[in-house]
Amino acid sequence: MKVDQKGHTVTIKDTQGDVNAFLEKITQQFKTFEKQNIIIDLSSDSNISEKDLKAFLPLSKVHKKAKKSFVIVATDLDFNAISDKLAVVPSLLEAHDIIEMEEIERDLGF
């Protein structure tokens, strides 16, 4: 697990390729990241499935209730098959764009 912090956003990258172990580590260390926007970078794992992403849903809900963004970066997926409750994008640039838009929405009171 590699953690990169820039401003009010932290990017957490899976370095082992085991999504379940990665999710467990993030859940255990969630208090460390709870006051920041989170980008989960799974782009290096080409075997990721929609089911794997659904495992992040409870963590995403808790984070969004705290008025922070939670975005997952994954490639080689059918993005239409993924739940609307999860923000999943194909690149880090798009993840940063989503966070920026959500920050503006929060500032405007949406």
PDB file of N, CA and C in Angstrom:
ATOM      1  N   MET A   1       0.844  -1.174   0.000  1.00  0.00           N
ATOM      2  CA  MET A   1       0.000   0.000   0.000  1.00  0.00           C
ATOM      3  C   MET A   1       0.890   1.238   0.000  1.00  0.00           C
ATOM      4  N   LYS A   2       0.652   2.099  -0.974  1.00  0.00           N
ATOM      5  CA  LYS A   2       1.429   3.323  -1.092  1.00  0.00           C
ATOM      6  C   LYS A   2       0.478   4.506  -0.895  1.00  0.00           C
ATOM      7  N   VAL A   3       0.844   5.414   0.005  1.00  0.00           N
ATOM      8  CA  VAL A   3      -0.003   6.566   0.315  1.00  0.00           C
ATOM      9  C   VAL A   3       0.702   7.835  -0.145  1.00  0.00           C
ATOM     10  N   ASP A   4      -0.020   8.652  -0.925  1.00  0.00           N
ATOM     11  CA  ASP A   4       0.513   9.910  -1.441  1.00  0.00           C
ATOM     12  C   ASP A   4      -0.477  11.020  -1.095  1.00  0.00           C
ATOM     13  N   GLN A   5      -0.009  12.000  -0.338  1.00  0.00           N
ATOM     14  CA  GLN A   5      -0.911  13.072   0.082  1.00  0.00           C
ATOM     15  C   GLN A   5      -0.561  14.379  -0.623  1.00  0.00           C
ATOM     16  N   LYS A   6      -1.607  14.999  -1.201  1.00  0.00           N
ATOM     17  CA  LYS A   6      -1.441  16.303  -1.845  1.00  0.00           C
ATOM     18  C   LYS A   6      -2.586  17.183  -1.391  1.00  0.00           C
ATOM     19  N   GLY A   7      -2.280  18.190  -0.614  1.00  0.00           N
ATOM     20  CA  GLY A   7      -3.309  19.108  -0.144  1.00  0.00           C
ATOM     21  C   GLY A   7      -4.346  18.395   0.699  1.00  0.00           C
ATOM     22  N   HIS A   8      -5.614  18.505   0.308  1.00  0.00           N
ATOM     23  CA  HIS A   8      -6.713  17.916   1.064  1.00  0.00           C
ATOM     24  C   HIS A   8      -7.140  16.553   0.513  1.00  0.00           C
ATOM     25  N   THR A   9      -6.275  15.942  -0.320  1.00  0.00           N
ATOM     26  CA  THR A   9      -6.594  14.652  -0.938  1.00  0.00           C
ATOM     27  C   THR A   9      -5.464  13.661  -0.701  1.00  0.00           C
ATOM     28  N   VAL A  10      -5.845  12.434  -0.369  1.00  0.00           N
ATOM     29  CA  VAL A  10      -4.862  11.372  -0.197  1.00  0.00           C
ATOM     30  C   VAL A  10      -5.152  10.282  -1.231  1.00  0.00           C
ATOM     31  N   THR A  11      -4.088   9.838  -1.937  1.00  0.00           N
ATOM     32  CA  THR A  11      -4.207   8.768  -2.925  1.00  0.00           C
ATOM     33  C   THR A  11      -3.593   7.514  -2.328  1.00  0.00           C
ATOM     34  N   ILE A  12      -4.394   6.457  -2.284  1.00  0.00           N
ATOM     35  CA  ILE A  12      -3.928   5.193  -1.715  1.00  0.00           C
ATOM     36  C   ILE A  12      -3.867   4.185  -2.848  1.00  0.00           C
ATOM     37  N   LYS A  13      -2.654   3.661  -3.099  1.00  0.00           N
ATOM     38  CA  LYS A  13      -2.442   2.759  -4.234  1.00  0.00           C
ATOM     39  C   LYS A  13      -2.191   1.337  -3.728  1.00  0.00           C
ATOM     40  N   ASP A  14      -2.879   0.392  -4.352  1.00  0.00           N
ATOM     41  CA  ASP A  14      -2.686  -1.023  -4.040  1.00  0.00           C
ATOM     42  C   ASP A  14      -1.406  -1.494  -4.709  1.00  0.00           C
ATOM     43  N   THR A  15      -0.453  -2.001  -3.919  1.00  0.00           N
ATOM     44  CA  THR A  15       0.813  -2.459  -4.483  1.00  0.00           C
ATOM     45  C   THR A  15       0.942  -3.976  -4.484  1.00  0.00           C
ATOM     46  N   GLN A  16      -0.027  -4.674  -3.859  1.00  0.00           N
ATOM     47  CA  GLN A  16       0.087  -6.130  -3.748  1.00  0.00           C
ATOM     48  C   GLN A  16      -0.793  -6.880  -4.735  1.00  0.00           C
ATOM     49  N   GLY A  17      -1.848  -6.256  -5.233  1.00  0.00           N
ATOM     50  CA  GLY A  17      -2.736  -6.936  -6.160  1.00  0.00           C
ATOM     51  C   GLY A  17      -3.803  -7.784  -5.486  1.00  0.00           C
ATOM     52  N   ASP A  18      -3.901  -7.720  -4.158  1.00  0.00           N
ATOM     53  CA  ASP A  18      -4.935  -8.448  -3.420  1.00  0.00           C
ATOM     54  C   ASP A  18      -5.945  -7.437  -2.896  1.00  0.00           C
ATOM     55  N   VAL A  19      -7.090  -7.333  -3.570  1.00  0.00           N
ATOM     56  CA  VAL A  19      -8.075  -6.308  -3.263  1.00  0.00           C
ATOM     57  C   VAL A  19      -8.633  -6.461  -1.849  1.00  0.00           C
ATOM     58  N   ASN A  20      -8.899  -7.701  -1.433  1.00  0.00           N
ATOM     59  CA  ASN A  20      -9.473  -7.917  -0.105  1.00  0.00           C
ATOM     60  C   ASN A  20      -8.515  -7.511   1.009  1.00  0.00           C
ATOM     61  N   ALA A  21      -7.245  -7.869   0.892  1.00  0.00           N
ATOM     62  CA  ALA A  21      -6.248  -7.483   1.896  1.00  0.00           C
ATOM     63  C   ALA A  21      -6.065  -5.965   1.893  1.00  0.00           C
ATOM     64  N   PHE A  22      -6.100  -5.370   0.707  1.00  0.00           N
ATOM     65  CA  PHE A  22      -5.970  -3.920   0.567  1.00  0.00           C
ATOM     66  C   PHE A  22      -7.137  -3.208   1.254  1.00  0.00           C
ATOM     67  N   LEU A  23      -8.360  -3.686   1.025  1.00  0.00           N
ATOM     68  CA  LEU A  23      -9.544  -3.106   1.652  1.00  0.00           C
ATOM     69  C   LEU A  23      -9.467  -3.227   3.170  1.00  0.00           C
ATOM     70  N   GLU A  24      -8.980  -4.360   3.647  1.00  0.00           N
ATOM     71  CA  GLU A  24      -8.849  -4.565   5.089  1.00  0.00           C
ATOM     72  C   GLU A  24      -7.866  -3.561   5.700  1.00  0.00           C
ATOM     73  N   LYS A  25      -6.736  -3.337   5.023  1.00  0.00           N
ATOM     74  CA  LYS A  25      -5.748  -2.363   5.506  1.00  0.00           C
ATOM     75  C   LYS A  25      -6.341  -0.959   5.556  1.00  0.00           C
ATOM     76  N   ILE A  26      -7.053  -0.578   4.514  1.00  0.00           N
ATOM     77  CA  ILE A  26      -7.666   0.749   4.463  1.00  0.00           C
ATOM     78  C   ILE A  26      -8.692   0.900   5.572  1.00  0.00           C
ATOM     79  N   THR A  27      -9.505  -0.135   5.782  1.00  0.00           N
ATOM     80  CA  THR A  27     -10.524  -0.093   6.833  1.00  0.00           C
ATOM     81  C   THR A  27      -9.880   0.067   8.202  1.00  0.00           C
ATOM     82  N   GLN A  28      -8.785  -0.647   8.438  1.00  0.00           N
ATOM     83  CA  GLN A  28      -8.085  -0.552   9.718  1.00  0.00           C
ATOM     84  C   GLN A  28      -7.489   0.835   9.936  1.00  0.00           C
ATOM     85  N   GLN A  29      -6.999   1.459   8.871  1.00  0.00           N
ATOM     86  CA  GLN A  29      -6.331   2.755   8.986  1.00  0.00           C
ATOM     87  C   GLN A  29      -7.238   3.923   8.590  1.00  0.00           C
ATOM     88  N   PHE A  30      -8.548   3.686   8.520  1.00  0.00           N
ATOM     89  CA  PHE A  30      -9.488   4.696   8.025  1.00  0.00           C
ATOM     90  C   PHE A  30      -9.453   5.979   8.845  1.00  0.00           C
ATOM     91  N   LYS A  31      -9.275   5.878  10.155  1.00  0.00           N
ATOM     92  CA  LYS A  31      -9.248   7.071  11.022  1.00  0.00           C
ATOM     93  C   LYS A  31      -8.146   8.038  10.583  1.00  0.00           C
ATOM     94  N   THR A  32      -7.065   7.509  10.038  1.00  0.00           N
ATOM     95  CA  THR A  32      -5.952   8.333   9.573  1.00  0.00           C
ATOM     96  C   THR A  32      -6.358   9.224   8.401  1.00  0.00           C
ATOM     97  N   PHE A  33      -7.267   8.712   7.549  1.00  0.00           N
ATOM     98  CA  PHE A  33      -7.633   9.406   6.313  1.00  0.00           C
ATOM     99  C   PHE A  33      -9.002  10.066   6.350  1.00  0.00           C
ATOM    100  N   GLU A  34      -9.765   9.922   7.442  1.00  0.00           N
ATOM    101  CA  GLU A  34     -11.168  10.318   7.440  1.00  0.00           C
ATOM    102  C   GLU A  34     -11.425  11.807   7.236  1.00  0.00           C
ATOM    103  N   LYS A  35     -10.456  12.655   7.465  1.00  0.00           N
ATOM    104  CA  LYS A  35     -10.670  14.096   7.306  1.00  0.00           C
ATOM    105  C   LYS A  35     -10.219  14.617   5.944  1.00  0.00           C
ATOM    106  N   GLN A  36      -9.858  13.691   5.041  1.00  0.00           N
ATOM    107  CA  GLN A  36      -9.382  14.073   3.711  1.00  0.00           C
ATOM    108  C   GLN A  36     -10.199  13.376   2.629  1.00  0.00           C
ATOM    109  N   ASN A  37     -10.141  13.914   1.419  1.00  0.00           N
ATOM    110  CA  ASN A  37     -10.725  13.232   0.264  1.00  0.00           C
ATOM    111  C   ASN A  37      -9.833  12.033  -0.053  1.00  0.00           C
ATOM    112  N   ILE A  38     -10.448  10.944  -0.471  1.00  0.00           N
ATOM    113  CA  ILE A  38      -9.679   9.715  -0.725  1.00  0.00           C
ATOM    114  C   ILE A  38      -9.827   9.274  -2.179  1.00  0.00           C
ATOM    115  N   ILE A  39      -8.676   8.944  -2.780  1.00  0.00           N
ATOM    116  CA  ILE A  39      -8.651   8.295  -4.093  1.00  0.00           C
ATOM    117  C   ILE A  39      -8.047   6.912  -3.871  1.00  0.00           C
ATOM    118  N   ILE A  40      -8.804   5.880  -4.230  1.00  0.00           N
ATOM    119  CA  ILE A  40      -8.315   4.508  -4.149  1.00  0.00           C
ATOM    120  C   ILE A  40      -7.842   4.133  -5.550  1.00  0.00           C
ATOM    121  N   ASP A  41      -6.539   3.917  -5.707  1.00  0.00           N
ATOM    122  CA  ASP A  41      -5.967   3.630  -7.022  1.00  0.00           C
ATOM    123  C   ASP A  41      -5.793   2.117  -7.215  1.00  0.00           C
ATOM    124  N   LEU A  42      -6.691   1.534  -7.984  1.00  0.00           N
ATOM    125  CA  LEU A  42      -6.625   0.107  -8.313  1.00  0.00           C
ATOM    126  C   LEU A  42      -6.269  -0.095  -9.777  1.00  0.00           C
ATOM    127  N   SER A  43      -5.733   0.933 -10.415  1.00  0.00           N
ATOM    128  CA  SER A  43      -5.460   0.876 -11.859  1.00  0.00           C
ATOM    129  C   SER A  43      -4.393  -0.151 -12.228  1.00  0.00           C
ATOM    130  N   SER A  44      -3.531  -0.524 -11.291  1.00  0.00           N
ATOM    131  CA  SER A  44      -2.483  -1.496 -11.612  1.00  0.00           C
ATOM    132  C   SER A  44      -3.000  -2.937 -11.591  1.00  0.00           C
ATOM    133  N   ASP A  45      -4.204  -3.150 -11.032  1.00  0.00           N
ATOM    134  CA  ASP A  45      -4.793  -4.489 -10.957  1.00  0.00           C
ATOM    135  C   ASP A  45      -5.786  -4.679 -12.103  1.00  0.00           C
ATOM    136  N   SER A  46      -5.400  -5.426 -13.108  1.00  0.00           N
ATOM    137  CA  SER A  46      -6.257  -5.608 -14.283  1.00  0.00           C
ATOM    138  C   SER A  46      -7.330  -6.676 -14.078  1.00  0.00           C
ATOM    139  N   ASN A  47      -7.261  -7.419 -12.981  1.00  0.00           N
ATOM    140  CA  ASN A  47      -8.234  -8.480 -12.706  1.00  0.00           C
ATOM    141  C   ASN A  47      -9.364  -8.026 -11.785  1.00  0.00           C
ATOM    142  N   ILE A  48      -9.502  -6.751 -11.586  1.00  0.00           N
ATOM    143  CA  ILE A  48     -10.528  -6.220 -10.672  1.00  0.00           C
ATOM    144  C   ILE A  48     -11.918  -6.408 -11.290  1.00  0.00           C
ATOM    145  N   SER A  49     -12.894  -6.712 -10.445  1.00  0.00           N
ATOM    146  CA  SER A  49     -14.256  -6.927 -10.945  1.00  0.00           C
ATOM    147  C   SER A  49     -15.220  -5.965 -10.257  1.00  0.00           C
ATOM    148  N   GLU A  50     -16.444  -5.919 -10.768  1.00  0.00           N
ATOM    149  CA  GLU A  50     -17.471  -5.074 -10.160  1.00  0.00           C
ATOM    150  C   GLU A  50     -17.748  -5.525  -8.729  1.00  0.00           C
ATOM    151  N   LYS A  51     -17.665  -6.830  -8.498  1.00  0.00           N
ATOM    152  CA  LYS A  51     -17.891  -7.381  -7.154  1.00  0.00           C
ATOM    153  C   LYS A  51     -16.819  -6.874  -6.182  1.00  0.00           C
ATOM    154  N   ASP A  52     -15.577  -6.820  -6.646  1.00  0.00           N
ATOM    155  CA  ASP A  52     -14.493  -6.296  -5.806  1.00  0.00           C
ATOM    156  C   ASP A  52     -14.763  -4.848  -5.422  1.00  0.00           C
ATOM    157  N   LEU A  53     -15.258  -4.073  -6.382  1.00  0.00           N
ATOM    158  CA  LEU A  53     -15.522  -2.659  -6.127  1.00  0.00           C
ATOM    159  C   LEU A  53     -16.675  -2.468  -5.139  1.00  0.00           C
ATOM    160  N   LYS A  54     -17.676  -3.346  -5.210  1.00  0.00           N
ATOM    161  CA  LYS A  54     -18.812  -3.243  -4.296  1.00  0.00           C
ATOM    162  C   LYS A  54     -18.388  -3.372  -2.839  1.00  0.00           C
ATOM    163  N   ALA A  55     -17.271  -4.055  -2.588  1.00  0.00           N
ATOM    164  CA  ALA A  55     -16.762  -4.213  -1.224  1.00  0.00           C
ATOM    165  C   ALA A  55     -16.353  -2.868  -0.619  1.00  0.00           C
ATOM    166  N   PHE A  56     -16.081  -1.886  -1.466  1.00  0.00           N
ATOM    167  CA  PHE A  56     -15.687  -0.557  -0.978  1.00  0.00           C
ATOM    168  C   PHE A  56     -16.896   0.322  -0.636  1.00  0.00           C
ATOM    169  N   LEU A  57     -18.106  -0.135  -0.962  1.00  0.00           N
ATOM    170  CA  LEU A  57     -19.315   0.670  -0.778  1.00  0.00           C
ATOM    171  C   LEU A  57     -19.542   1.135   0.666  1.00  0.00           C
ATOM    172  N   PRO A  58     -19.440   0.265   1.683  1.00  0.00           N
ATOM    173  CA  PRO A  58     -19.648   0.750   3.060  1.00  0.00           C
ATOM    174  C   PRO A  58     -18.667   1.857   3.448  1.00  0.00           C
ATOM    175  N   LEU A  59     -17.411   1.712   3.050  1.00  0.00           N
ATOM    176  CA  LEU A  59     -16.401   2.724   3.346  1.00  0.00           C
ATOM    177  C   LEU A  59     -16.725   4.033   2.635  1.00  0.00           C
ATOM    178  N   SER A  60     -17.181   3.934   1.396  1.00  0.00           N
ATOM    179  CA  SER A  60     -17.560   5.107   0.620  1.00  0.00           C
ATOM    180  C   SER A  60     -18.720   5.849   1.279  1.00  0.00           C
ATOM    181  N   LYS A  61     -19.730   5.091   1.735  1.00  0.00           N
ATOM    182  CA  LYS A  61     -20.895   5.718   2.373  1.00  0.00           C
ATOM    183  C   LYS A  61     -20.501   6.490   3.626  1.00  0.00           C
ATOM    184  N   VAL A  62     -19.669   5.887   4.465  1.00  0.00           N
ATOM    185  CA  VAL A  62     -19.215   6.551   5.695  1.00  0.00           C
ATOM    186  C   VAL A  62     -18.459   7.830   5.352  1.00  0.00           C
ATOM    187  N   HIS A  63     -17.624   7.758   4.334  1.00  0.00           N
ATOM    188  CA  HIS A  63     -16.802   8.907   3.962  1.00  0.00           C
ATOM    189  C   HIS A  63     -17.654  10.035   3.382  1.00  0.00           C
ATOM    190  N   LYS A  64     -18.636   9.689   2.569  1.00  0.00           N
ATOM    191  CA  LYS A  64     -19.502  10.713   1.974  1.00  0.00           C
ATOM    192  C   LYS A  64     -20.405  11.365   3.025  1.00  0.00           C
ATOM    193  N   LYS A  65     -20.798  10.606   4.061  1.00  0.00           N
ATOM    194  CA  LYS A  65     -21.581  11.189   5.152  1.00  0.00           C
ATOM    195  C   LYS A  65     -20.782  12.259   5.882  1.00  0.00           C
ATOM    196  N   ALA A  66     -19.471  12.087   5.909  1.00  0.00           N
ATOM    197  CA  ALA A  66     -18.575  13.057   6.551  1.00  0.00           C
ATOM    198  C   ALA A  66     -18.257  14.222   5.609  1.00  0.00           C
ATOM    199  N   LYS A  67     -18.977  14.308   4.486  1.00  0.00           N
ATOM    200  CA  LYS A  67     -18.823  15.382   3.493  1.00  0.00           C
ATOM    201  C   LYS A  67     -17.423  15.416   2.878  1.00  0.00           C
ATOM    202  N   LYS A  68     -16.910  14.237   2.559  1.00  0.00           N
ATOM    203  CA  LYS A  68     -15.628  14.111   1.869  1.00  0.00           C
ATOM    204  C   LYS A  68     -15.815  13.214   0.651  1.00  0.00           C
ATOM    205  N   SER A  69     -14.946  13.369  -0.338  1.00  0.00           N
ATOM    206  CA  SER A  69     -15.047  12.584  -1.576  1.00  0.00           C
ATOM    207  C   SER A  69     -14.316  11.258  -1.440  1.00  0.00           C
ATOM    208  N   PHE A  70     -14.858  10.244  -2.103  1.00  0.00           N
ATOM    209  CA  PHE A  70     -14.269   8.903  -2.128  1.00  0.00           C
ATOM    210  C   PHE A  70     -14.362   8.413  -3.574  1.00  0.00           C
ATOM    211  N   VAL A  71     -13.224   8.344  -4.262  1.00  0.00           N
ATOM    212  CA  VAL A  71     -13.202   8.000  -5.689  1.00  0.00           C
ATOM    213  C   VAL A  71     -12.269   6.804  -5.898  1.00  0.00           C
ATOM    214  N   ILE A  72     -12.721   5.868  -6.731  1.00  0.00           N
ATOM    215  CA  ILE A  72     -11.915   4.691  -7.051  1.00  0.00           C
ATOM    216  C   ILE A  72     -11.445   4.790  -8.502  1.00  0.00           C
ATOM    217  N   VAL A  73     -10.160   4.534  -8.723  1.00  0.00           N
ATOM    218  CA  VAL A  73      -9.605   4.517 -10.075  1.00  0.00           C
ATOM    219  C   VAL A  73      -9.397   3.064 -10.467  1.00  0.00           C
ATOM    220  N   ALA A  74     -10.075   2.649 -11.540  1.00  0.00           N
ATOM    221  CA  ALA A  74      -9.945   1.276 -12.030  1.00  0.00           C
ATOM    222  C   ALA A  74     -10.044   1.292 -13.551  1.00  0.00           C
ATOM    223  N   THR A  75      -9.332   0.376 -14.190  1.00  0.00           N
ATOM    224  CA  THR A  75      -9.352   0.298 -15.650  1.00  0.00           C
ATOM    225  C   THR A  75      -9.972  -1.029 -16.086  1.00  0.00           C
ATOM    226  N   ASP A  76     -10.250  -1.155 -17.348  1.00  0.00           N
ATOM    227  CA  ASP A  76     -10.783  -2.386 -17.950  1.00  0.00           C
ATOM    228  C   ASP A  76     -12.078  -2.866 -17.293  1.00  0.00           C
ATOM    229  N   LEU A  77     -12.994  -1.926 -17.063  1.00  0.00           N
ATOM    230  CA  LEU A  77     -14.281  -2.274 -16.468  1.00  0.00           C
ATOM    231  C   LEU A  77     -15.425  -1.762 -17.321  1.00  0.00           C
ATOM    232  N   ASP A  78     -16.591  -2.354 -17.136  1.00  0.00           N
ATOM    233  CA  ASP A  78     -17.802  -1.817 -17.731  1.00  0.00           C
ATOM    234  C   ASP A  78     -18.367  -0.829 -16.714  1.00  0.00           C
ATOM    235  N   PHE A  79     -18.099   0.446 -16.909  1.00  0.00           N
ATOM    236  CA  PHE A  79     -18.472   1.473 -15.941  1.00  0.00           C
ATOM    237  C   PHE A  79     -19.986   1.614 -15.800  1.00  0.00           C
ATOM    238  N   ASN A  80     -20.752   1.163 -16.792  1.00  0.00           N
ATOM    239  CA  ASN A  80     -22.211   1.209 -16.709  1.00  0.00           C
ATOM    240  C   ASN A  80     -22.762   0.167 -15.744  1.00  0.00           C
ATOM    241  N   ALA A  81     -21.999  -0.883 -15.489  1.00  0.00           N
ATOM    242  CA  ALA A  81     -22.452  -1.968 -14.609  1.00  0.00           C
ATOM    243  C   ALA A  81     -22.184  -1.671 -13.130  1.00  0.00           C
ATOM    244  N   ILE A  82     -21.455  -0.602 -12.868  1.00  0.00           N
ATOM    245  CA  ILE A  82     -21.082  -0.271 -11.488  1.00  0.00           C
ATOM    246  C   ILE A  82     -22.162   0.596 -10.853  1.00  0.00           C
ATOM    247  N   SER A  83     -22.401   0.362  -9.582  1.00  0.00           N
ATOM    248  CA  SER A  83     -23.419   1.104  -8.826  1.00  0.00           C
ATOM    249  C   SER A  83     -23.168   2.610  -8.895  1.00  0.00           C
ATOM    250  N   ASP A  84     -24.260   3.381  -8.994  1.00  0.00           N
ATOM    251  CA  ASP A  84     -24.146   4.844  -9.015  1.00  0.00           C
ATOM    252  C   ASP A  84     -23.668   5.394  -7.673  1.00  0.00           C
ATOM    253  N   LYS A  85     -23.737   4.570  -6.637  1.00  0.00           N
ATOM    254  CA  LYS A  85     -23.322   5.012  -5.303  1.00  0.00           C
ATOM    255  C   LYS A  85     -21.803   5.090  -5.172  1.00  0.00           C
ATOM    256  N   LEU A  86     -21.102   4.455  -6.095  1.00  0.00           N
ATOM    257  CA  LEU A  86     -19.640   4.491  -6.099  1.00  0.00           C
ATOM    258  C   LEU A  86     -19.145   5.396  -7.216  1.00  0.00           C
ATOM    259  N   ALA A  87     -18.152   6.213  -6.907  1.00  0.00           N
ATOM    260  CA  ALA A  87     -17.517   7.042  -7.932  1.00  0.00           C
ATOM    261  C   ALA A  87     -16.303   6.266  -8.442  1.00  0.00           C
ATOM    262  N   VAL A  88     -16.423   5.726  -9.657  1.00  0.00           N
ATOM    263  CA  VAL A  88     -15.333   4.954 -10.260  1.00  0.00           C
ATOM    264  C   VAL A  88     -14.975   5.593 -11.592  1.00  0.00           C
ATOM    265  N   VAL A  89     -13.692   5.889 -11.761  1.00  0.00           N
ATOM    266  CA  VAL A  89     -13.209   6.547 -12.980  1.00  0.00           C
ATOM    267  C   VAL A  89     -11.986   5.796 -13.515  1.00  0.00           C
ATOM    268  N   PRO A  90     -11.668   5.982 -14.810  1.00  0.00           N
ATOM    269  CA  PRO A  90     -10.546   5.240 -15.401  1.00  0.00           C
ATOM    270  C   PRO A  90      -9.155   5.856 -15.215  1.00  0.00           C
ATOM    271  N   SER A  91      -9.056   7.097 -14.676  1.00  0.00           N
ATOM    272  CA  SER A  91      -7.722   7.690 -14.533  1.00  0.00           C
ATOM    273  C   SER A  91      -7.630   8.575 -13.287  1.00  0.00           C
ATOM    274  N   LEU A  92      -6.409   8.795 -12.837  1.00  0.00           N
ATOM    275  CA  LEU A  92      -6.181   9.657 -11.667  1.00  0.00           C
ATOM    276  C   LEU A  92      -6.608  11.092 -11.944  1.00  0.00           C
ATOM    277  N   LEU A  93      -6.399  11.556 -13.176  1.00  0.00           N
ATOM    278  CA  LEU A  93      -6.787  12.924 -13.532  1.00  0.00           C
ATOM    279  C   LEU A  93      -8.298  13.110 -13.356  1.00  0.00           C
ATOM    280  N   GLU A  94      -9.066  12.127 -13.828  1.00  0.00           N
ATOM    281  CA  GLU A  94     -10.519  12.211 -13.671  1.00  0.00           C
ATOM    282  C   GLU A  94     -10.927  12.141 -12.199  1.00  0.00           C
ATOM    283  N   ALA A  95     -10.199  11.371 -11.416  1.00  0.00           N
ATOM    284  CA  ALA A  95     -10.493  11.286  -9.978  1.00  0.00           C
ATOM    285  C   ALA A  95     -10.321  12.652  -9.325  1.00  0.00           C
ATOM    286  N   HIS A  96      -9.236  13.339  -9.668  1.00  0.00           N
ATOM    287  CA  HIS A  96      -9.009  14.683  -9.122  1.00  0.00           C
ATOM    288  C   HIS A  96     -10.091  15.653  -9.598  1.00  0.00           C
ATOM    289  N   ASP A  97     -10.525  15.509 -10.845  1.00  0.00           N
ATOM    290  CA  ASP A  97     -11.599  16.363 -11.371  1.00  0.00           C
ATOM    291  C   ASP A  97     -12.906  16.136 -10.611  1.00  0.00           C
ATOM    292  N   ILE A  98     -13.245  14.875 -10.331  1.00  0.00           N
ATOM    293  CA  ILE A  98     -14.467  14.553  -9.584  1.00  0.00           C
ATOM    294  C   ILE A  98     -14.400  15.195  -8.193  1.00  0.00           C
ATOM    295  N   ILE A  99     -13.265  15.072  -7.533  1.00  0.00           N
ATOM    296  CA  ILE A  99     -13.114  15.644  -6.192  1.00  0.00           C
ATOM    297  C   ILE A  99     -13.270  17.156  -6.246  1.00  0.00           C
ATOM    298  N   GLU A 100     -12.673  17.776  -7.255  1.00  0.00           N
ATOM    299  CA  GLU A 100     -12.793  19.228  -7.405  1.00  0.00           C
ATOM    300  C   GLU A 100     -14.254  19.648  -7.593  1.00  0.00           C
ATOM    301  N   MET A 101     -14.991  18.906  -8.432  1.00  0.00           N
ATOM    302  CA  MET A 101     -16.406  19.228  -8.656  1.00  0.00           C
ATOM    303  C   MET A 101     -17.224  19.024  -7.375  1.00  0.00           C
ATOM    304  N   GLU A 102     -16.956  17.941  -6.649  1.00  0.00           N
ATOM    305  CA  GLU A 102     -17.699  17.682  -5.414  1.00  0.00           C
ATOM    306  C   GLU A 102     -17.393  18.736  -4.355  1.00  0.00           C
ATOM    307  N   GLU A 103     -16.145  19.210  -4.323  1.00  0.00           N
ATOM    308  CA  GLU A 103     -15.780  20.285  -3.381  1.00  0.00           C
ATOM    309  C   GLU A 103     -16.580  21.557  -3.706  1.00  0.00           C
ATOM    310  N   ILE A 104     -16.698  21.879  -4.976  1.00  0.00           N
ATOM    311  CA  ILE A 104     -17.463  23.063  -5.392  1.00  0.00           C
ATOM    312  C   ILE A 104     -18.924  22.899  -5.013  1.00  0.00           C
ATOM    313  N   GLU A 105     -19.484  21.704  -5.261  1.00  0.00           N
ATOM    314  CA  GLU A 105     -20.874  21.439  -4.884  1.00  0.00           C
ATOM    315  C   GLU A 105     -21.086  21.617  -3.390  1.00  0.00           C
ATOM    316  N   ARG A 106     -20.165  21.118  -2.584  1.00  0.00           N
ATOM    317  CA  ARG A 106     -20.282  21.267  -1.123  1.00  0.00           C
ATOM    318  C   ARG A 106     -20.203  22.737  -0.711  1.00  0.00           C
ATOM    319  N   ASP A 107     -19.297  23.469  -1.356  1.00  0.00           N
ATOM    320  CA  ASP A 107     -19.165  24.908  -1.056  1.00  0.00           C
ATOM    321  C   ASP A 107     -20.433  25.661  -1.387  1.00  0.00           C
ATOM    322  N   LEU A 108     -21.128  25.236  -2.444  1.00  0.00           N
ATOM    323  CA  LEU A 108     -22.361  25.897  -2.864  1.00  0.00           C
ATOM    324  C   LEU A 108     -23.586  25.403  -2.095  1.00  0.00           C
ATOM    325  N   GLY A 109     -23.395  24.339  -1.300  1.00  0.00           N
ATOM    326  CA  GLY A 109     -24.479  23.839  -0.466  1.00  0.00           C
ATOM    327  C   GLY A 109     -25.379  22.803  -1.108  1.00  0.00           C
ATOM    328  N   PHE A 110     -24.907  22.123  -2.147  1.00  0.00           N
ATOM    329  CA  PHE A 110     -25.714  21.078  -2.789  1.00  0.00           C
ATOM    330  C   PHE A 110     -25.608  19.777  -2.051  1.00  0.00           C
TER     331      PHE A 110
END
